[in-house]
Amino acid sequence: MCKSSKPEYMRRLLNRCVPREAPPIDYTGTMNELRLVQEDLDVIAHIAAATGLMDEVALRQELKRLRATAEKMRLAVVGYYDEDE
């Protein structure tokens, strides 16, 4: 079920927004974990840039890939329109 009240459901339909089913219970937790990993990798990339001890370019490429994967997951589950995010 899309977890919307009947009036909200009708408003969305009138605004040409087709309500979707609510995402799986694990979705929010998984996306939060991915955000934490992204933040940690950002910190590591900054340290790599400052110290030169790691390959910053490779690290940033992997971070970009992680972000793209997270966005694909979000679009697959939530779709292009999500009023709550």
N, C-alpha and C. Protein backbone atom coordinates (compact mmCIF):
# COMPACT_ATOMS: atom_id res chain seq x y z
N MET A 1 0.83 -1.17 0.00
CA MET A 1 0.00 0.00 0.00
C MET A 1 0.89 1.24 0.00
N CYS A 2 0.38 2.34 -0.47
CA CYS A 2 1.20 3.54 -0.59
C CYS A 2 1.21 4.38 0.68
N LYS A 3 0.49 3.98 1.73
CA LYS A 3 0.48 4.65 3.03
C LYS A 3 0.04 6.10 2.94
N SER A 4 -0.85 6.43 2.04
CA SER A 4 -1.41 7.78 1.93
C SER A 4 -2.87 7.73 2.32
N SER A 5 -3.34 8.84 2.86
CA SER A 5 -4.77 8.94 3.14
C SER A 5 -5.50 9.06 1.81
N LYS A 6 -6.78 8.81 1.84
CA LYS A 6 -7.56 8.89 0.60
C LYS A 6 -7.49 10.29 -0.01
N PRO A 7 -7.66 11.37 0.78
CA PRO A 7 -7.54 12.71 0.18
C PRO A 7 -6.15 12.98 -0.42
N GLU A 8 -5.10 12.53 0.28
CA GLU A 8 -3.74 12.71 -0.24
C GLU A 8 -3.56 11.92 -1.53
N TYR A 9 -4.08 10.71 -1.56
CA TYR A 9 -4.00 9.87 -2.76
C TYR A 9 -4.68 10.58 -3.93
N MET A 10 -5.85 11.16 -3.69
CA MET A 10 -6.58 11.86 -4.76
C MET A 10 -5.82 13.11 -5.21
N ARG A 11 -5.23 13.85 -4.27
CA ARG A 11 -4.44 15.04 -4.65
C ARG A 11 -3.28 14.64 -5.55
N ARG A 12 -2.61 13.57 -5.18
CA ARG A 12 -1.49 13.12 -6.00
C ARG A 12 -1.95 12.71 -7.39
N LEU A 13 -3.06 12.03 -7.48
CA LEU A 13 -3.59 11.67 -8.79
C LEU A 13 -3.92 12.90 -9.61
N LEU A 14 -4.55 13.89 -8.98
CA LEU A 14 -4.89 15.12 -9.69
C LEU A 14 -3.65 15.88 -10.14
N ASN A 15 -2.58 15.76 -9.41
CA ASN A 15 -1.32 16.40 -9.79
C ASN A 15 -0.48 15.53 -10.73
N ARG A 16 -1.11 14.49 -11.26
CA ARG A 16 -0.47 13.57 -12.20
C ARG A 16 0.72 12.82 -11.59
N CYS A 17 0.64 12.62 -10.32
CA CYS A 17 1.66 11.84 -9.62
C CYS A 17 1.01 10.53 -9.20
N VAL A 18 1.46 9.46 -9.79
CA VAL A 18 0.90 8.16 -9.45
C VAL A 18 1.54 7.67 -8.16
N PRO A 19 0.73 7.50 -7.12
CA PRO A 19 1.30 7.02 -5.85
C PRO A 19 1.90 5.63 -6.02
N ARG A 20 2.99 5.40 -5.33
CA ARG A 20 3.68 4.11 -5.38
C ARG A 20 3.51 3.41 -4.04
N GLU A 21 3.83 2.15 -4.07
CA GLU A 21 3.85 1.40 -2.82
C GLU A 21 4.95 1.95 -1.93
N ALA A 22 4.78 1.81 -0.63
CA ALA A 22 5.82 2.22 0.31
C ALA A 22 7.05 1.34 0.08
N PRO A 23 8.25 1.91 0.24
CA PRO A 23 9.46 1.10 0.05
C PRO A 23 9.56 0.01 1.11
N PRO A 24 10.32 -1.03 0.84
CA PRO A 24 10.51 -2.09 1.83
C PRO A 24 11.07 -1.52 3.13
N ILE A 25 10.82 -2.21 4.21
CA ILE A 25 11.27 -1.75 5.53
C ILE A 25 12.78 -1.55 5.57
N ASP A 26 13.53 -2.41 4.93
CA ASP A 26 15.00 -2.34 4.96
C ASP A 26 15.55 -1.18 4.14
N TYR A 27 14.75 -0.60 3.26
CA TYR A 27 15.24 0.42 2.34
C TYR A 27 15.85 1.62 3.08
N THR A 28 15.13 2.19 4.02
CA THR A 28 15.61 3.39 4.70
C THR A 28 16.90 3.12 5.46
N GLY A 29 16.95 2.00 6.16
CA GLY A 29 18.16 1.65 6.89
C GLY A 29 19.34 1.44 5.97
N THR A 30 19.11 0.76 4.86
CA THR A 30 20.18 0.51 3.89
C THR A 30 20.69 1.81 3.29
N MET A 31 19.77 2.70 2.92
CA MET A 31 20.19 3.98 2.34
C MET A 31 20.95 4.82 3.37
N ASN A 32 20.54 4.77 4.63
CA ASN A 32 21.27 5.49 5.67
C ASN A 32 22.68 4.93 5.84
N GLU A 33 22.81 3.62 5.79
CA GLU A 33 24.14 2.99 5.87
C GLU A 33 25.01 3.43 4.70
N LEU A 34 24.44 3.45 3.50
CA LEU A 34 25.20 3.89 2.32
C LEU A 34 25.66 5.34 2.48
N ARG A 35 24.79 6.19 3.02
CA ARG A 35 25.18 7.59 3.24
C ARG A 35 26.35 7.68 4.23
N LEU A 36 26.31 6.86 5.27
CA LEU A 36 27.42 6.86 6.25
C LEU A 36 28.72 6.41 5.60
N VAL A 37 28.66 5.39 4.76
CA VAL A 37 29.85 4.92 4.05
C VAL A 37 30.38 6.02 3.14
N GLN A 38 29.47 6.71 2.44
CA GLN A 38 29.89 7.82 1.57
C GLN A 38 30.59 8.91 2.37
N GLU A 39 30.03 9.25 3.52
CA GLU A 39 30.64 10.29 4.36
C GLU A 39 32.03 9.86 4.83
N ASP A 40 32.16 8.59 5.24
CA ASP A 40 33.46 8.09 5.67
C ASP A 40 34.47 8.11 4.53
N LEU A 41 34.03 7.72 3.34
CA LEU A 41 34.94 7.73 2.19
C LEU A 41 35.33 9.16 1.82
N ASP A 42 34.43 10.11 1.99
CA ASP A 42 34.77 11.52 1.76
C ASP A 42 35.89 11.97 2.69
N VAL A 43 35.78 11.59 3.96
CA VAL A 43 36.82 11.94 4.93
C VAL A 43 38.15 11.30 4.53
N ILE A 44 38.10 10.03 4.16
CA ILE A 44 39.33 9.33 3.74
C ILE A 44 39.93 9.99 2.51
N ALA A 45 39.09 10.42 1.58
CA ALA A 45 39.58 11.09 0.37
C ALA A 45 40.27 12.41 0.72
N HIS A 46 39.70 13.13 1.68
CA HIS A 46 40.34 14.38 2.11
C HIS A 46 41.70 14.11 2.75
N ILE A 47 41.76 13.07 3.57
CA ILE A 47 43.03 12.69 4.19
C ILE A 47 44.03 12.28 3.12
N ALA A 48 43.56 11.53 2.13
CA ALA A 48 44.44 11.09 1.03
C ALA A 48 44.99 12.30 0.28
N ALA A 49 44.15 13.29 0.06
CA ALA A 49 44.59 14.48 -0.66
C ALA A 49 45.62 15.25 0.16
N ALA A 50 45.40 15.32 1.47
CA ALA A 50 46.29 16.09 2.34
C ALA A 50 47.64 15.41 2.56
N THR A 51 47.63 14.09 2.65
CA THR A 51 48.86 13.37 3.01
C THR A 51 49.57 12.75 1.81
N GLY A 52 48.84 12.46 0.76
CA GLY A 52 49.44 11.80 -0.39
C GLY A 52 49.75 10.34 -0.16
N LEU A 53 49.20 9.76 0.92
CA LEU A 53 49.48 8.37 1.24
C LEU A 53 48.60 7.38 0.49
N MET A 54 47.53 7.87 -0.11
CA MET A 54 46.62 6.99 -0.85
C MET A 54 46.38 7.57 -2.22
N ASP A 55 45.88 6.76 -3.11
CA ASP A 55 45.53 7.20 -4.45
C ASP A 55 44.18 7.92 -4.38
N GLU A 56 44.23 9.23 -4.25
CA GLU A 56 43.01 10.03 -4.10
C GLU A 56 42.10 9.90 -5.31
N VAL A 57 42.66 9.87 -6.50
CA VAL A 57 41.85 9.79 -7.72
C VAL A 57 41.05 8.49 -7.75
N ALA A 58 41.71 7.37 -7.45
CA ALA A 58 41.02 6.08 -7.44
C ALA A 58 39.94 6.06 -6.36
N LEU A 59 40.25 6.61 -5.21
CA LEU A 59 39.28 6.65 -4.12
C LEU A 59 38.06 7.47 -4.51
N ARG A 60 38.27 8.62 -5.13
CA ARG A 60 37.15 9.47 -5.56
C ARG A 60 36.32 8.78 -6.65
N GLN A 61 36.97 8.02 -7.53
CA GLN A 61 36.23 7.27 -8.56
C GLN A 61 35.31 6.23 -7.92
N GLU A 62 35.82 5.54 -6.92
CA GLU A 62 35.00 4.54 -6.23
C GLU A 62 33.87 5.21 -5.46
N LEU A 63 34.12 6.35 -4.88
CA LEU A 63 33.09 7.11 -4.18
C LEU A 63 32.00 7.55 -5.16
N LYS A 64 32.40 7.97 -6.33
CA LYS A 64 31.44 8.36 -7.37
C LYS A 64 30.59 7.15 -7.79
N ARG A 65 31.24 6.00 -7.90
CA ARG A 65 30.52 4.77 -8.27
C ARG A 65 29.52 4.38 -7.18
N LEU A 66 29.92 4.54 -5.91
CA LEU A 66 29.02 4.24 -4.79
C LEU A 66 27.81 5.16 -4.82
N ARG A 67 28.04 6.45 -5.06
CA ARG A 67 26.92 7.40 -5.14
C ARG A 67 25.97 7.05 -6.28
N ALA A 68 26.53 6.68 -7.43
CA ALA A 68 25.69 6.32 -8.59
C ALA A 68 24.85 5.08 -8.28
N THR A 69 25.44 4.11 -7.61
CA THR A 69 24.72 2.89 -7.24
C THR A 69 23.60 3.21 -6.25
N ALA A 70 23.89 4.06 -5.28
CA ALA A 70 22.87 4.45 -4.30
C ALA A 70 21.72 5.18 -5.00
N GLU A 71 22.04 6.03 -5.95
CA GLU A 71 20.99 6.75 -6.69
C GLU A 71 20.15 5.80 -7.54
N LYS A 72 20.79 4.81 -8.15
CA LYS A 72 20.04 3.81 -8.92
C LYS A 72 19.09 3.04 -8.01
N MET A 73 19.56 2.70 -6.82
CA MET A 73 18.69 2.00 -5.86
C MET A 73 17.51 2.88 -5.48
N ARG A 74 17.78 4.15 -5.19
CA ARG A 74 16.72 5.07 -4.80
C ARG A 74 15.68 5.19 -5.90
N LEU A 75 16.13 5.34 -7.13
CA LEU A 75 15.19 5.48 -8.25
C LEU A 75 14.41 4.19 -8.49
N ALA A 76 15.06 3.05 -8.30
CA ALA A 76 14.37 1.78 -8.50
C ALA A 76 13.28 1.55 -7.45
N VAL A 77 13.53 2.01 -6.23
CA VAL A 77 12.58 1.77 -5.15
C VAL A 77 11.56 2.89 -5.03
N VAL A 78 12.03 4.13 -5.05
CA VAL A 78 11.17 5.26 -4.79
C VAL A 78 10.64 5.88 -6.07
N GLY A 79 11.42 5.89 -7.11
CA GLY A 79 11.03 6.51 -8.36
C GLY A 79 11.52 7.95 -8.43
N TYR A 80 11.11 8.64 -9.46
CA TYR A 80 11.60 10.00 -9.70
C TYR A 80 10.95 11.01 -8.78
N TYR A 81 9.78 10.76 -8.30
CA TYR A 81 9.07 11.72 -7.47
C TYR A 81 8.90 11.15 -6.08
N ASP A 82 9.47 11.84 -5.11
CA ASP A 82 9.27 11.43 -3.73
C ASP A 82 9.12 12.69 -2.90
N GLU A 83 7.90 12.99 -2.52
CA GLU A 83 7.60 14.20 -1.78
C GLU A 83 8.29 14.23 -0.43
N ASP A 84 8.58 13.09 0.15
CA ASP A 84 9.15 13.02 1.49
C ASP A 84 10.64 13.26 1.53
N GLU A 85 11.35 13.17 0.44
CA GLU A 85 12.81 13.33 0.46
C GLU A 85 13.19 14.72 0.06
